[in-house]
Amino acid sequence: MVRPLWHIGQYMPDDQPTFRVARIWVEYAPELEPGATGSVRLAPLTLDGWRNLRPNQTITMHEGQSVRGTATATEISMPG
């Protein structure tokens, strides 16, 4: 399980993207090769900032400022 940074559409006052941390794991396979597609689950380390995420919203996975992947939310489940 890795914990990449995610940009989920929020920005700081200076227009820089706000990044959130979420663990990611691939379902139905041991890993997801670069360039491949598949079902994954995200588990945010904190819920701050994630409550506005909506189905069909595309978010980007980052390593530093570099984009490493994209995901489209298909289902959202939050505790409480």
Protein backbone atom coordinates (compact mmCIF):
# COMPACT_ATOMS: atom_id res chain seq x y z
CA MET A 1 0.00 0.00 0.00
CA VAL A 2 1.39 3.43 -0.89
CA ARG A 3 0.39 6.90 0.26
CA PRO A 4 0.59 9.25 -2.71
CA LEU A 5 -0.44 12.88 -2.80
CA TRP A 6 -3.76 13.71 -4.45
CA HIS A 7 -5.00 16.97 -5.94
CA ILE A 8 -8.77 16.88 -5.59
CA GLY A 9 -9.57 20.32 -6.99
CA GLN A 10 -8.73 22.57 -4.05
CA TYR A 11 -6.32 25.49 -4.12
CA MET A 12 -4.49 27.64 -1.58
CA PRO A 13 -5.07 31.42 -1.61
CA ASP A 14 -1.99 31.86 -3.85
CA ASP A 15 -3.58 29.50 -6.47
CA GLN A 16 -1.19 26.64 -5.70
CA PRO A 17 -2.89 23.23 -5.57
CA THR A 18 -3.67 21.75 -2.18
CA PHE A 19 -2.52 18.15 -1.93
CA ARG A 20 -4.16 15.50 0.27
CA VAL A 21 -2.70 12.16 1.37
CA ALA A 22 -4.58 8.90 0.91
CA ARG A 23 -3.46 5.31 0.98
CA ILE A 24 -4.18 3.50 -2.28
CA TRP A 25 -4.55 -0.18 -3.03
CA VAL A 26 -5.43 -2.03 -6.20
CA GLU A 27 -8.42 -4.35 -6.14
CA TYR A 28 -8.40 -7.72 -7.88
CA ALA A 29 -4.67 -7.62 -8.69
CA PRO A 30 -1.37 -7.48 -6.81
CA GLU A 31 -0.38 -4.23 -8.57
CA LEU A 32 -1.29 -1.84 -11.36
CA GLU A 33 1.38 -1.45 -14.03
CA PRO A 34 2.24 2.06 -15.34
CA GLY A 35 -0.24 3.06 -18.04
CA ALA A 36 -2.76 0.39 -17.01
CA THR A 37 -6.27 0.98 -15.69
CA GLY A 38 -8.11 -0.78 -12.91
CA SER A 39 -10.16 -0.45 -9.77
CA VAL A 40 -8.44 1.06 -6.76
CA ARG A 41 -9.54 2.21 -3.34
CA LEU A 42 -8.35 5.31 -1.53
CA ALA A 43 -8.25 5.72 2.23
CA PRO A 44 -7.57 9.33 3.24
CA LEU A 45 -5.38 9.73 6.30
CA THR A 46 -7.69 12.55 7.43
CA LEU A 47 -11.12 13.48 6.10
CA ASP A 48 -10.26 17.20 5.89
CA GLY A 49 -10.79 18.33 2.33
CA TRP A 50 -12.19 15.02 1.07
CA ARG A 51 -15.83 15.66 2.00
CA ASN A 52 -16.46 17.67 -1.19
CA LEU A 53 -15.31 14.85 -3.49
CA ARG A 54 -18.17 13.73 -5.74
CA PRO A 55 -18.82 10.75 -8.03
CA ASN A 56 -17.45 11.21 -11.56
CA GLN A 57 -14.90 13.77 -10.34
CA THR A 58 -11.42 13.22 -11.76
CA ILE A 59 -8.49 13.70 -9.38
CA THR A 60 -4.75 13.53 -9.98
CA MET A 61 -2.09 11.54 -8.16
CA HIS A 62 1.23 13.32 -7.65
CA GLU A 63 4.80 12.63 -6.69
CA GLY A 64 5.93 16.09 -5.68
CA GLN A 65 4.53 18.43 -8.33
CA SER A 66 4.66 15.78 -11.08
CA VAL A 67 1.41 14.06 -12.07
CA ARG A 68 1.78 10.26 -11.86
CA GLY A 69 -1.80 9.20 -12.53
CA THR A 70 -5.47 10.09 -12.57
CA ALA A 71 -8.53 8.56 -10.98
CA THR A 72 -12.24 9.08 -11.44
CA ALA A 73 -14.34 8.65 -8.33
CA THR A 74 -17.09 6.11 -8.91
CA GLU A 75 -18.30 5.68 -5.35
CA ILE A 76 -17.68 7.65 -2.18
CA SER A 77 -18.17 6.32 1.32
CA MET A 78 -17.33 8.45 4.35
CA PRO A 79 -17.68 7.44 7.99
CA GLY A 80 -20.27 9.29 10.06
